[in-house]
PDB file of N, CA and C in Angstrom:
ATOM      1  N   MET A   1      78.329 115.400 113.606  1.00  0.00           N
ATOM      2  CA  MET A   1      78.296 113.975 113.616  1.00  0.00           C
ATOM      3  C   MET A   1      79.866 113.636 114.420  1.00  0.00           C
ATOM      4  N   LEU A   2      79.568 112.202 115.040  1.00  0.00           N
ATOM      5  CA  LEU A   2      80.696 111.917 115.974  1.00  0.00           C
ATOM      6  C   LEU A   2      81.469 111.462 115.248  1.00  0.00           C
ATOM      7  N   ALA A   3      82.720 111.677 115.975  1.00  0.00           N
ATOM      8  CA  ALA A   3      84.197 111.325 115.549  1.00  0.00           C
ATOM      9  C   ALA A   3      84.252 109.426 115.184  1.00  0.00           C
ATOM     10  N   MET A   4      84.676 108.959 114.228  1.00  0.00           N
ATOM     11  CA  MET A   4      84.596 107.838 114.013  1.00  0.00           C
ATOM     12  C   MET A   4      85.569 106.814 115.025  1.00  0.00           C
ATOM     13  N   GLU A   5      85.435 105.859 115.553  1.00  0.00           N
ATOM     14  CA  GLU A   5      86.102 105.160 116.163  1.00  0.00           C
ATOM     15  C   GLU A   5      86.740 104.350 115.309  1.00  0.00           C
ATOM     16  N   ARG A   6      87.926 104.063 115.897  1.00  0.00           N
ATOM     17  CA  ARG A   6      88.751 103.181 114.671  1.00  0.00           C
ATOM     18  C   ARG A   6      88.464 102.011 115.087  1.00  0.00           C
ATOM     19  N   LEU A   7      88.113 100.667 114.156  1.00  0.00           N
ATOM     20  CA  LEU A   7      87.884  99.505 114.481  1.00  0.00           C
ATOM     21  C   LEU A   7      89.354  98.834 114.508  1.00  0.00           C
ATOM     22  N   ARG A   8      89.321  97.618 115.113  1.00  0.00           N
ATOM     23  CA  ARG A   8      90.598  96.764 114.742  1.00  0.00           C
ATOM     24  C   ARG A   8      89.680  95.208 114.044  1.00  0.00           C
ATOM     25  N   LEU A   9      90.635  95.210 112.859  1.00  0.00           N
ATOM     26  CA  LEU A   9      89.586  94.125 112.306  1.00  0.00           C
ATOM     27  C   LEU A   9      90.682  93.245 111.988  1.00  0.00           C
ATOM     28  N   LEU A  10      90.543  91.547 112.002  1.00  0.00           N
ATOM     29  CA  LEU A  10      91.574  90.520 111.762  1.00  0.00           C
ATOM     30  C   LEU A  10      90.784  89.865 110.384  1.00  0.00           C
ATOM     31  N   ILE A  11      91.391  89.937 109.221  1.00  0.00           N
ATOM     32  CA  ILE A  11      90.827  89.645 108.296  1.00  0.00           C
ATOM     33  C   ILE A  11      91.263  88.305 107.566  1.00  0.00           C
ATOM     34  N   ASP A  12      90.544  87.253 107.720  1.00  0.00           N
ATOM     35  CA  ASP A  12      90.664  85.925 107.374  1.00  0.00           C
ATOM     36  C   ASP A  12      91.382  85.701 106.064  1.00  0.00           C
ATOM     37  N   GLU A  13      92.206  84.438 105.812  1.00  0.00           N
ATOM     38  CA  GLU A  13      93.056  84.094 104.660  1.00  0.00           C
ATOM     39  C   GLU A  13      91.832  83.973 103.302  1.00  0.00           C
ATOM     40  N   ASP A  14      90.442  83.647 103.710  1.00  0.00           N
ATOM     41  CA  ASP A  14      89.809  83.606 103.018  1.00  0.00           C
ATOM     42  C   ASP A  14      88.949  84.216 102.108  1.00  0.00           C
ATOM     43  N   LEU A  15      89.114  85.817 102.501  1.00  0.00           N
ATOM     44  CA  LEU A  15      88.849  86.710 101.845  1.00  0.00           C
ATOM     45  C   LEU A  15      89.522  87.393 100.779  1.00  0.00           C
ATOM     46  N   ASP A  16      88.812  88.330  99.832  1.00  0.00           N
ATOM     47  CA  ASP A  16      89.417  88.965  98.870  1.00  0.00           C
ATOM     48  C   ASP A  16      90.493  89.999  99.529  1.00  0.00           C
ATOM     49  N   VAL A  17      91.796  89.932  99.173  1.00  0.00           N
ATOM     50  CA  VAL A  17      92.411  91.028  99.638  1.00  0.00           C
ATOM     51  C   VAL A  17      92.040  92.569  99.419  1.00  0.00           C
ATOM     52  N   LYS A  18      91.250  92.630  98.397  1.00  0.00           N
ATOM     53  CA  LYS A  18      90.654  94.097  98.161  1.00  0.00           C
ATOM     54  C   LYS A  18      90.090  94.750  99.127  1.00  0.00           C
ATOM     55  N   ILE A  19      89.503  93.827  99.682  1.00  0.00           N
ATOM     56  CA  ILE A  19      88.930  94.483 101.193  1.00  0.00           C
ATOM     57  C   ILE A  19      89.657  95.296 102.232  1.00  0.00           C
ATOM     58  N   VAL A  20      91.147  94.974 102.347  1.00  0.00           N
ATOM     59  CA  VAL A  20      92.101  95.067 102.854  1.00  0.00           C
ATOM     60  C   VAL A  20      92.248  96.824 103.098  1.00  0.00           C
ATOM     61  N   PRO A  21      92.711  97.314 101.811  1.00  0.00           N
ATOM     62  CA  PRO A  21      92.928  98.682 101.534  1.00  0.00           C
ATOM     63  C   PRO A  21      91.600  99.477 101.943  1.00  0.00           C
ATOM     64  N   PHE A  22      90.462  98.838 101.602  1.00  0.00           N
ATOM     65  CA  PHE A  22      89.238  99.721 101.623  1.00  0.00           C
ATOM     66  C   PHE A  22      89.293 100.198 103.089  1.00  0.00           C
ATOM     67  N   PHE A  23      89.553  99.044 104.015  1.00  0.00           N
ATOM     68  CA  PHE A  23      88.838  99.335 105.377  1.00  0.00           C
ATOM     69  C   PHE A  23      89.973 100.314 105.905  1.00  0.00           C
ATOM     70  N   ARG A  24      91.294  99.848 105.689  1.00  0.00           N
ATOM     71  CA  ARG A  24      92.510 100.926 105.873  1.00  0.00           C
ATOM     72  C   ARG A  24      92.163 102.082 105.327  1.00  0.00           C
ATOM     73  N   SER A  25      91.674 102.842 104.134  1.00  0.00           N
ATOM     74  CA  SER A  25      91.424 103.677 103.689  1.00  0.00           C
ATOM     75  C   SER A  25      90.279 104.508 104.676  1.00  0.00           C
ATOM     76  N   ARG A  26      89.518 103.966 105.500  1.00  0.00           N
ATOM     77  CA  ARG A  26      88.512 104.248 106.471  1.00  0.00           C
ATOM     78  C   ARG A  26      88.850 104.499 107.867  1.00  0.00           C
ATOM     79  N   GLY A  27      90.249 104.293 107.533  1.00  0.00           N
ATOM     80  CA  GLY A  27      90.884 104.447 109.073  1.00  0.00           C
ATOM     81  C   GLY A  27      91.018 103.543 110.000  1.00  0.00           C
ATOM     82  N   HIS A  28      90.755 102.354 109.684  1.00  0.00           N
ATOM     83  CA  HIS A  28      90.670 101.152 110.622  1.00  0.00           C
ATOM     84  C   HIS A  28      91.865 100.493 110.611  1.00  0.00           C
ATOM     85  N   ASP A  29      92.182  99.997 111.778  1.00  0.00           N
ATOM     86  CA  ASP A  29      93.356  98.865 112.109  1.00  0.00           C
ATOM     87  C   ASP A  29      93.084  97.527 111.594  1.00  0.00           C
ATOM     88  N   VAL A  30      93.790  97.162 110.421  1.00  0.00           N
ATOM     89  CA  VAL A  30      93.595  95.947 109.619  1.00  0.00           C
ATOM     90  C   VAL A  30      94.727  95.273 109.631  1.00  0.00           C
ATOM     91  N   ILE A  31      94.483  94.002 110.394  1.00  0.00           N
ATOM     92  CA  ILE A  31      95.516  93.170 110.101  1.00  0.00           C
ATOM     93  C   ILE A  31      95.069  91.953 109.385  1.00  0.00           C
ATOM     94  N   GLU A  32      95.739  91.329 108.699  1.00  0.00           N
ATOM     95  CA  GLU A  32      95.675  89.980 107.942  1.00  0.00           C
ATOM     96  C   GLU A  32      96.116  88.784 108.499  1.00  0.00           C
ATOM     97  N   ALA A  33      95.324  87.893 108.516  1.00  0.00           N
ATOM     98  CA  ALA A  33      95.634  86.649 109.135  1.00  0.00           C
ATOM     99  C   ALA A  33      96.845  85.899 108.485  1.00  0.00           C
ATOM    100  N   ARG A  34      97.215  86.070 107.435  1.00  0.00           N
ATOM    101  CA  ARG A  34      98.216  85.127 106.538  1.00  0.00           C
ATOM    102  C   ARG A  34      99.546  86.108 107.174  1.00  0.00           C
ATOM    103  N   GLU A  35      99.446  87.275 107.443  1.00  0.00           N
ATOM    104  CA  GLU A  35     100.904  88.164 107.626  1.00  0.00           C
ATOM    105  C   GLU A  35     101.012  87.688 109.252  1.00  0.00           C
ATOM    106  N   LEU A  36      99.995  87.528 110.125  1.00  0.00           N
ATOM    107  CA  LEU A  36     100.159  87.372 111.469  1.00  0.00           C
ATOM    108  C   LEU A  36     100.648  86.015 111.620  1.00  0.00           C
ATOM    109  N   PHE A  37      99.721  84.915 111.040  1.00  0.00           N
ATOM    110  CA  PHE A  37      99.847  83.540 111.736  1.00  0.00           C
ATOM    111  C   PHE A  37     100.726  82.886 110.565  1.00  0.00           C
ATOM    112  N   GLY A  38     100.338  83.287 109.204  1.00  0.00           N
ATOM    113  CA  GLY A  38     100.940  82.218 108.177  1.00  0.00           C
ATOM    114  C   GLY A  38      99.729  81.608 107.291  1.00  0.00           C
ATOM    115  N   VAL A  39     100.133  80.626 106.800  1.00  0.00           N
ATOM    116  CA  VAL A  39      99.211  80.191 105.682  1.00  0.00           C
ATOM    117  C   VAL A  39      98.034  79.006 106.567  1.00  0.00           C
ATOM    118  N   GLN A  40      96.909  79.041 106.270  1.00  0.00           N
ATOM    119  CA  GLN A  40      96.061  77.869 106.843  1.00  0.00           C
ATOM    120  C   GLN A  40      95.778  78.197 108.558  1.00  0.00           C
ATOM    121  N   THR A  41      95.689  79.295 108.969  1.00  0.00           N
ATOM    122  CA  THR A  41      95.410  79.309 110.573  1.00  0.00           C
ATOM    123  C   THR A  41      94.216  78.869 110.813  1.00  0.00           C
ATOM    124  N   GLN A  42      94.385  78.355 111.999  1.00  0.00           N
ATOM    125  CA  GLN A  42      93.399  77.761 112.622  1.00  0.00           C
ATOM    126  C   GLN A  42      92.228  78.409 112.952  1.00  0.00           C
ATOM    127  N   ASP A  43      90.907  78.390 112.873  1.00  0.00           N
ATOM    128  CA  ASP A  43      90.183  79.035 113.221  1.00  0.00           C
ATOM    129  C   ASP A  43      90.047  79.701 114.947  1.00  0.00           C
ATOM    130  N   LYS A  44      90.377  78.655 115.739  1.00  0.00           N
ATOM    131  CA  LYS A  44      90.335  79.019 117.198  1.00  0.00           C
ATOM    132  C   LYS A  44      91.622  79.941 117.376  1.00  0.00           C
ATOM    133  N   GLU A  45      92.568  80.053 116.608  1.00  0.00           N
ATOM    134  CA  GLU A  45      93.646  80.886 116.676  1.00  0.00           C
ATOM    135  C   GLU A  45      93.428  82.460 116.117  1.00  0.00           C
ATOM    136  N   ASN A  46      92.526  82.470 115.112  1.00  0.00           N
ATOM    137  CA  ASN A  46      92.111  83.709 114.808  1.00  0.00           C
ATOM    138  C   ASN A  46      91.102  84.247 116.149  1.00  0.00           C
ATOM    139  N   LEU A  47      90.453  83.663 116.503  1.00  0.00           N
ATOM    140  CA  LEU A  47      89.065  83.974 117.486  1.00  0.00           C
ATOM    141  C   LEU A  47      90.044  84.164 118.933  1.00  0.00           C
ATOM    142  N   ALA A  48      90.996  83.769 119.367  1.00  0.00           N
ATOM    143  CA  ALA A  48      91.826  83.604 120.374  1.00  0.00           C
ATOM    144  C   ALA A  48      92.352  85.341 120.256  1.00  0.00           C
ATOM    145  N   TRP A  49      93.154  85.226 119.084  1.00  0.00           N
ATOM    146  CA  TRP A  49      93.961  86.864 119.041  1.00  0.00           C
ATOM    147  C   TRP A  49      92.639  87.926 119.135  1.00  0.00           C
ATOM    148  N   CYS A  50      91.725  87.655 118.198  1.00  0.00           N
ATOM    149  CA  CYS A  50      90.505  88.634 118.030  1.00  0.00           C
ATOM    150  C   CYS A  50      89.957  89.139 119.772  1.00  0.00           C
ATOM    151  N   ARG A  51      89.979  87.850 120.648  1.00  0.00           N
ATOM    152  CA  ARG A  51      89.706  88.061 121.807  1.00  0.00           C
ATOM    153  C   ARG A  51      90.600  88.749 122.735  1.00  0.00           C
ATOM    154  N   ALA A  52      91.701  88.628 122.470  1.00  0.00           N
ATOM    155  CA  ALA A  52      92.767  89.017 123.172  1.00  0.00           C
ATOM    156  C   ALA A  52      92.903  90.740 122.765  1.00  0.00           C
ATOM    157  N   ASN A  53      92.795  90.897 121.776  1.00  0.00           N
ATOM    158  CA  ASN A  53      93.441  92.277 121.003  1.00  0.00           C
ATOM    159  C   ASN A  53      91.872  92.902 120.890  1.00  0.00           C
ATOM    160  N   LEU A  54      90.877  92.626 121.231  1.00  0.00           N
ATOM    161  CA  LEU A  54      89.710  93.279 121.119  1.00  0.00           C
ATOM    162  C   LEU A  54      89.319  93.677 119.756  1.00  0.00           C
ATOM    163  N   ALA A  55      89.567  92.832 118.724  1.00  0.00           N
ATOM    164  CA  ALA A  55      89.364  92.861 117.254  1.00  0.00           C
ATOM    165  C   ALA A  55      87.863  92.283 116.806  1.00  0.00           C
ATOM    166  N   ILE A  56      87.712  92.578 115.578  1.00  0.00           N
ATOM    167  CA  ILE A  56      86.720  91.682 115.030  1.00  0.00           C
ATOM    168  C   ILE A  56      87.215  90.803 113.756  1.00  0.00           C
ATOM    169  N   LEU A  57      86.875  89.826 113.694  1.00  0.00           N
ATOM    170  CA  LEU A  57      87.163  88.422 112.937  1.00  0.00           C
ATOM    171  C   LEU A  57      86.022  89.085 111.709  1.00  0.00           C
ATOM    172  N   VAL A  58      87.094  89.228 110.303  1.00  0.00           N
ATOM    173  CA  VAL A  58      86.023  89.359 109.290  1.00  0.00           C
ATOM    174  C   VAL A  58      86.632  88.091 108.431  1.00  0.00           C
ATOM    175  N   THR A  59      85.306  87.580 108.031  1.00  0.00           N
ATOM    176  CA  THR A  59      85.686  85.689 107.684  1.00  0.00           C
ATOM    177  C   THR A  59      84.594  85.859 106.260  1.00  0.00           C
ATOM    178  N   GLY A  60      84.900  84.550 105.574  1.00  0.00           N
ATOM    179  CA  GLY A  60      84.307  84.495 104.997  1.00  0.00           C
ATOM    180  C   GLY A  60      83.561  82.563 105.116  1.00  0.00           C
ATOM    181  N   ASP A  61      84.278  82.300 106.223  1.00  0.00           N
ATOM    182  CA  ASP A  61      83.797  80.931 106.526  1.00  0.00           C
ATOM    183  C   ASP A  61      82.151  80.876 107.234  1.00  0.00           C
ATOM    184  N   TRP A  62      81.547  80.084 106.685  1.00  0.00           N
ATOM    185  CA  TRP A  62      79.996  80.171 106.732  1.00  0.00           C
ATOM    186  C   TRP A  62      79.869  79.520 108.409  1.00  0.00           C
ATOM    187  N   LYS A  63      80.576  78.492 109.072  1.00  0.00           N
ATOM    188  CA  LYS A  63      80.582  77.937 110.346  1.00  0.00           C
ATOM    189  C   LYS A  63      80.060  78.919 111.235  1.00  0.00           C
ATOM    190  N   PHE A  64      80.909  80.296 111.087  1.00  0.00           N
ATOM    191  CA  PHE A  64      80.724  81.364 112.153  1.00  0.00           C
ATOM    192  C   PHE A  64      79.379  81.772 112.143  1.00  0.00           C
ATOM    193  N   VAL A  65      78.552  81.609 111.512  1.00  0.00           N
ATOM    194  CA  VAL A  65      77.131  82.181 111.431  1.00  0.00           C
ATOM    195  C   VAL A  65      76.217  81.391 112.122  1.00  0.00           C
ATOM    196  N   SER A  66      76.670  79.914 112.314  1.00  0.00           N
ATOM    197  CA  SER A  66      75.600  79.133 113.030  1.00  0.00           C
ATOM    198  C   SER A  66      75.707  79.478 114.640  1.00  0.00           C
ATOM    199  N   PRO A  67      74.260  79.715 115.020  1.00  0.00           N
ATOM    200  CA  PRO A  67      74.067  80.296 116.231  1.00  0.00           C
ATOM    201  C   PRO A  67      74.230  79.147 117.281  1.00  0.00           C
ATOM    202  N   ARG A  68      74.665  77.807 116.923  1.00  0.00           N
ATOM    203  CA  ARG A  68      75.115  76.958 117.950  1.00  0.00           C
ATOM    204  C   ARG A  68      76.528  77.132 118.261  1.00  0.00           C
ATOM    205  N   ARG A  69      77.306  77.465 117.505  1.00  0.00           N
ATOM    206  CA  ARG A  69      78.537  77.738 117.404  1.00  0.00           C
ATOM    207  C   ARG A  69      78.924  78.933 118.628  1.00  0.00           C
ATOM    208  N   ALA A  70      79.640  78.539 119.645  1.00  0.00           N
ATOM    209  CA  ALA A  70      79.433  79.506 120.866  1.00  0.00           C
ATOM    210  C   ALA A  70      80.860  80.006 121.078  1.00  0.00           C
ATOM    211  N   SER A  71      82.022  79.033 120.342  1.00  0.00           N
ATOM    212  CA  SER A  71      83.431  79.455 120.663  1.00  0.00           C
ATOM    213  C   SER A  71      83.551  80.966 120.451  1.00  0.00           C
ATOM    214  N   HIS A  72      83.013  81.703 119.526  1.00  0.00           N
ATOM    215  CA  HIS A  72      83.104  82.890 119.168  1.00  0.00           C
ATOM    216  C   HIS A  72      82.437  84.125 120.169  1.00  0.00           C
ATOM    217  N   ARG A  73      81.610  83.752 120.984  1.00  0.00           N
ATOM    218  CA  ARG A  73      80.939  84.524 121.436  1.00  0.00           C
ATOM    219  C   ARG A  73      81.610  85.779 121.983  1.00  0.00           C
ATOM    220  N   ARG A  74      82.740  85.602 122.396  1.00  0.00           N
ATOM    221  CA  ARG A  74      83.524  86.794 122.793  1.00  0.00           C
ATOM    222  C   ARG A  74      84.401  87.493 122.009  1.00  0.00           C
ATOM    223  N   ALA A  75      84.405  87.265 120.612  1.00  0.00           N
ATOM    224  CA  ALA A  75      84.893  87.860 119.712  1.00  0.00           C
ATOM    225  C   ALA A  75      84.043  88.554 118.719  1.00  0.00           C
ATOM    226  N   GLY A  76      84.213  89.588 118.202  1.00  0.00           N
ATOM    227  CA  GLY A  76      83.230  90.173 117.180  1.00  0.00           C
ATOM    228  C   GLY A  76      83.573  89.389 115.802  1.00  0.00           C
ATOM    229  N   VAL A  77      82.421  88.989 114.988  1.00  0.00           N
ATOM    230  CA  VAL A  77      82.538  88.428 113.884  1.00  0.00           C
ATOM    231  C   VAL A  77      81.144  89.190 112.690  1.00  0.00           C
ATOM    232  N   LEU A  78      82.415  89.078 111.533  1.00  0.00           N
ATOM    233  CA  LEU A  78      81.611  89.676 110.578  1.00  0.00           C
ATOM    234  C   LEU A  78      81.791  89.021 109.203  1.00  0.00           C
ATOM    235  N   CYS A  79      80.835  88.086 108.960  1.00  0.00           N
ATOM    236  CA  CYS A  79      81.076  86.926 108.043  1.00  0.00           C
ATOM    237  C   CYS A  79      80.442  87.623 106.434  1.00  0.00           C
ATOM    238  N   LEU A  80      81.179  87.470 105.558  1.00  0.00           N
ATOM    239  CA  LEU A  80      80.802  87.962 104.247  1.00  0.00           C
ATOM    240  C   LEU A  80      80.479  86.502 103.256  1.00  0.00           C
ATOM    241  N   ARG A  81      79.727  86.170 103.497  1.00  0.00           N
ATOM    242  CA  ARG A  81      79.115  84.662 102.610  1.00  0.00           C
ATOM    243  C   ARG A  81      78.508  84.858 101.654  1.00  0.00           C
ATOM    244  N   GLY A  82      79.004  83.761 100.238  1.00  0.00           N
ATOM    245  CA  GLY A  82      78.369  83.683  99.227  1.00  0.00           C
ATOM    246  C   GLY A  82      78.511  84.983  98.289  1.00  0.00           C
ATOM    247  N   LEU A  83      79.872  85.694  98.509  1.00  0.00           N
ATOM    248  CA  LEU A  83      79.990  86.741  97.917  1.00  0.00           C
ATOM    249  C   LEU A  83      80.985  86.747  96.962  1.00  0.00           C
ATOM    250  N   GLU A  84      81.591  85.646  96.328  1.00  0.00           N
ATOM    251  CA  GLU A  84      83.203  85.571  95.582  1.00  0.00           C
ATOM    252  C   GLU A  84      82.825  86.547  94.558  1.00  0.00           C
ATOM    253  N   GLY A  85      83.839  87.225  94.319  1.00  0.00           N
ATOM    254  CA  GLY A  85      83.900  88.221  93.459  1.00  0.00           C
ATOM    255  C   GLY A  85      83.013  89.677  94.120  1.00  0.00           C
ATOM    256  N   HIS A  86      82.607  89.323  94.830  1.00  0.00           N
ATOM    257  CA  HIS A  86      81.633  90.799  95.075  1.00  0.00           C
ATOM    258  C   HIS A  86      81.794  91.317  96.549  1.00  0.00           C
ATOM    259  N   GLN A  87      82.920  90.914  97.088  1.00  0.00           N
ATOM    260  CA  GLN A  87      82.963  91.168  98.664  1.00  0.00           C
ATOM    261  C   GLN A  87      83.183  92.494  98.728  1.00  0.00           C
ATOM    262  N   LEU A  88      84.109  93.367  97.941  1.00  0.00           N
ATOM    263  CA  LEU A  88      84.684  94.769  97.894  1.00  0.00           C
ATOM    264  C   LEU A  88      83.608  95.487  97.417  1.00  0.00           C
ATOM    265  N   ARG A  89      82.708  95.170  96.769  1.00  0.00           N
ATOM    266  CA  ARG A  89      80.834  95.937  96.526  1.00  0.00           C
ATOM    267  C   ARG A  89      80.106  96.026  97.461  1.00  0.00           C
ATOM    268  N   ARG A  90      79.985  94.698  98.131  1.00  0.00           N
ATOM    269  CA  ARG A  90      78.963  94.558  99.440  1.00  0.00           C
ATOM    270  C   ARG A  90      79.615  95.467 100.254  1.00  0.00           C
ATOM    271  N   VAL A  91      80.809  95.129 100.904  1.00  0.00           N
ATOM    272  CA  VAL A  91      81.346  95.886 101.899  1.00  0.00           C
ATOM    273  C   VAL A  91      81.220  97.711 101.641  1.00  0.00           C
ATOM    274  N   THR A  92      81.467  98.107 100.791  1.00  0.00           N
ATOM    275  CA  THR A  92      81.540  99.468 100.102  1.00  0.00           C
ATOM    276  C   THR A  92      80.077  99.888 100.275  1.00  0.00           C
ATOM    277  N   GLU A  93      79.137  99.070 100.220  1.00  0.00           N
ATOM    278  CA  GLU A  93      77.774  99.258  99.845  1.00  0.00           C
ATOM    279  C   GLU A  93      77.228  99.846 101.508  1.00  0.00           C
ATOM    280  N   LEU A  94      77.702  99.080 102.541  1.00  0.00           N
ATOM    281  CA  LEU A  94      77.352  98.704 103.570  1.00  0.00           C
ATOM    282  C   LEU A  94      78.569  98.946 104.786  1.00  0.00           C
ATOM    283  N   SER A  95      79.081 100.012 104.300  1.00  0.00           N
ATOM    284  CA  SER A  95      80.276 100.403 104.994  1.00  0.00           C
ATOM    285  C   SER A  95      79.784 100.976 106.204  1.00  0.00           C
ATOM    286  N   GLU A  96      79.056 101.991 106.020  1.00  0.00           N
ATOM    287  CA  GLU A  96      78.591 102.978 107.019  1.00  0.00           C
ATOM    288  C   GLU A  96      77.525 101.966 108.253  1.00  0.00           C
ATOM    289  N   ASP A  97      76.935 100.831 107.890  1.00  0.00           N
ATOM    290  CA  ASP A  97      76.131 100.062 108.351  1.00  0.00           C
ATOM    291  C   ASP A  97      77.223  99.035 109.564  1.00  0.00           C
ATOM    292  N   ILE A  98      78.319  98.361 109.005  1.00  0.00           N
ATOM    293  CA  ILE A  98      78.828  97.811 109.610  1.00  0.00           C
ATOM    294  C   ILE A  98      79.785  98.578 110.599  1.00  0.00           C
ATOM    295  N   GLU A  99      79.920  99.912 110.196  1.00  0.00           N
ATOM    296  CA  GLU A  99      80.534 100.472 111.362  1.00  0.00           C
ATOM    297  C   GLU A  99      80.094 100.992 112.386  1.00  0.00           C
ATOM    298  N   ARG A 100      79.010 101.197 112.184  1.00  0.00           N
ATOM    299  CA  ARG A 100      77.838 101.787 113.051  1.00  0.00           C
ATOM    300  C   ARG A 100      77.222 100.531 114.297  1.00  0.00           C
ATOM    301  N   GLU A 101      77.324  98.885 113.484  1.00  0.00           N
ATOM    302  CA  GLU A 101      76.967  97.978 114.141  1.00  0.00           C
ATOM    303  C   GLU A 101      78.187  97.583 115.051  1.00  0.00           C
ATOM    304  N   ALA A 102      79.259  97.555 114.470  1.00  0.00           N
ATOM    305  CA  ALA A 102      80.935  97.260 114.892  1.00  0.00           C
ATOM    306  C   ALA A 102      80.823  97.968 116.372  1.00  0.00           C
ATOM    307  N   ARG A 103      80.673  99.550 116.370  1.00  0.00           N
ATOM    308  CA  ARG A 103      80.947 100.251 117.347  1.00  0.00           C
ATOM    309  C   ARG A 103      79.929 100.135 118.493  1.00  0.00           C
ATOM    310  N   LEU A 104      78.507  99.836 118.007  1.00  0.00           N
ATOM    311  CA  LEU A 104      77.615  99.254 118.971  1.00  0.00           C
ATOM    312  C   LEU A 104      77.792  98.190 119.743  1.00  0.00           C
ATOM    313  N   ARG A 105      78.337  97.118 119.046  1.00  0.00           N
ATOM    314  CA  ARG A 105      78.228  95.993 119.591  1.00  0.00           C
ATOM    315  C   ARG A 105      79.610  95.287 120.037  1.00  0.00           C
ATOM    316  N   GLY A 106      80.786  96.000 119.501  1.00  0.00           N
ATOM    317  CA  GLY A 106      81.942  95.575 119.698  1.00  0.00           C
ATOM    318  C   GLY A 106      82.304  94.117 119.501  1.00  0.00           C
ATOM    319  N   ASP A 107      82.714  93.492 120.802  1.00  0.00           N
ATOM    320  CA  ASP A 107      83.033  92.189 120.757  1.00  0.00           C
ATOM    321  C   ASP A 107      81.944  90.834 120.837  1.00  0.00           C
ATOM    322  N   ARG A 108      81.138  91.991 120.717  1.00  0.00           N
ATOM    323  CA  ARG A 108      79.463  90.522 120.831  1.00  0.00           C
ATOM    324  C   ARG A 108      79.086  90.878 119.188  1.00  0.00           C
ATOM    325  N   LEU A 109      79.751  91.714 118.386  1.00  0.00           N
ATOM    326  CA  LEU A 109      79.194  91.716 117.130  1.00  0.00           C
ATOM    327  C   LEU A 109      78.928  90.673 116.508  1.00  0.00           C
ATOM    328  N   PHE A 110      78.092  90.177 115.801  1.00  0.00           N
ATOM    329  CA  PHE A 110      77.482  88.894 115.064  1.00  0.00           C
ATOM    330  C   PHE A 110      76.874  89.223 113.880  1.00  0.00           C
ATOM    331  N   MET A 111      77.362  89.472 112.593  1.00  0.00           N
ATOM    332  CA  MET A 111      76.700  89.862 111.507  1.00  0.00           C
ATOM    333  C   MET A 111      77.219  88.971 110.187  1.00  0.00           C
ATOM    334  N   TRP A 112      76.458  88.929 109.363  1.00  0.00           N
ATOM    335  CA  TRP A 112      76.577  88.237 108.116  1.00  0.00           C
ATOM    336  C   TRP A 112      76.092  88.838 107.002  1.00  0.00           C
ATOM    337  N   ILE A 113      76.923  89.332 106.089  1.00  0.00           N
ATOM    338  CA  ILE A 113      76.455  89.638 104.792  1.00  0.00           C
ATOM    339  C   ILE A 113      76.395  88.873 103.437  1.00  0.00           C
ATOM    340  N   GLY A 114      75.496  88.565 102.842  1.00  0.00           N
ATOM    341  CA  GLY A 114      75.059  87.969 101.699  1.00  0.00           C
ATOM    342  C   GLY A 114      74.955  88.756 100.407  1.00  0.00           C
ATOM    343  N   ARG A 115      74.886  88.191  99.420  1.00  0.00           N
ATOM    344  CA  ARG A 115      74.334  89.147  98.083  1.00  0.00           C
ATOM    345  C   ARG A 115      73.310  89.914  98.144  1.00  0.00           C
ATOM    346  N   GLU A 116      72.254  89.549  99.031  1.00  0.00           N
ATOM    347  CA  GLU A 116      70.954  90.074  99.146  1.00  0.00           C
ATOM    348  C   GLU A 116      70.644  90.729 100.478  1.00  0.00           C
ATOM    349  N   GLU A 117      71.335  90.142 101.457  1.00  0.00           N
ATOM    350  CA  GLU A 117      70.846  90.165 102.863  1.00  0.00           C
ATOM    351  C   GLU A 117      72.054  90.503 103.743  1.00  0.00           C
ATOM    352  N   PHE A 118      71.729  91.448 104.802  1.00  0.00           N
ATOM    353  CA  PHE A 118      72.080  91.736 106.019  1.00  0.00           C
ATOM    354  C   PHE A 118      71.930  91.644 107.132  1.00  0.00           C
ATOM    355  N   ASN A 119      72.457  91.059 108.154  1.00  0.00           N
ATOM    356  CA  ASN A 119      71.868  90.463 109.190  1.00  0.00           C
ATOM    357  C   ASN A 119      72.903  90.509 110.661  1.00  0.00           C
ATOM    358  N   VAL A 120      72.276  91.087 111.347  1.00  0.00           N
ATOM    359  CA  VAL A 120      73.205  91.507 112.893  1.00  0.00           C
ATOM    360  C   VAL A 120      72.040  90.824 113.920  1.00  0.00           C
ATOM    361  N   LEU A 121      73.135  89.930 114.688  1.00  0.00           N
ATOM    362  CA  LEU A 121      72.253  89.143 115.872  1.00  0.00           C
ATOM    363  C   LEU A 121      72.095  89.909 116.838  1.00  0.00           C
ATOM    364  N   ARG A 122      71.074  90.320 117.326  1.00  0.00           N
ATOM    365  CA  ARG A 122      71.118  91.246 118.486  1.00  0.00           C
ATOM    366  C   ARG A 122      70.825  90.621 119.798  1.00  0.00           C
TER     367      ARG A 122
END
């Protein structure tokens, strides 16, 4: 088995904070946007930080899923959409898939997870 590469994740303020300790327990470098920037961070600040720090933005903001939105193309994005109250459960179920895709795609990761779906843009 290959050694797990540690991911750097910026958790957007719109997500359930329960996913933070989960990702940390798996050995990842997890930063919360609200601690880094304060409340109501602008998307462009989050994305700029992710690009500069080779991080993946983990968000519930659906606008990041639009293929027309090109501003994130040099920052990885993991969108947890429509999972109110179920974010931790879905992330737990798909943790190995998320980690595998993040290692493969890095700053080109474009993934969204819903209640029943799991999509990766390649």
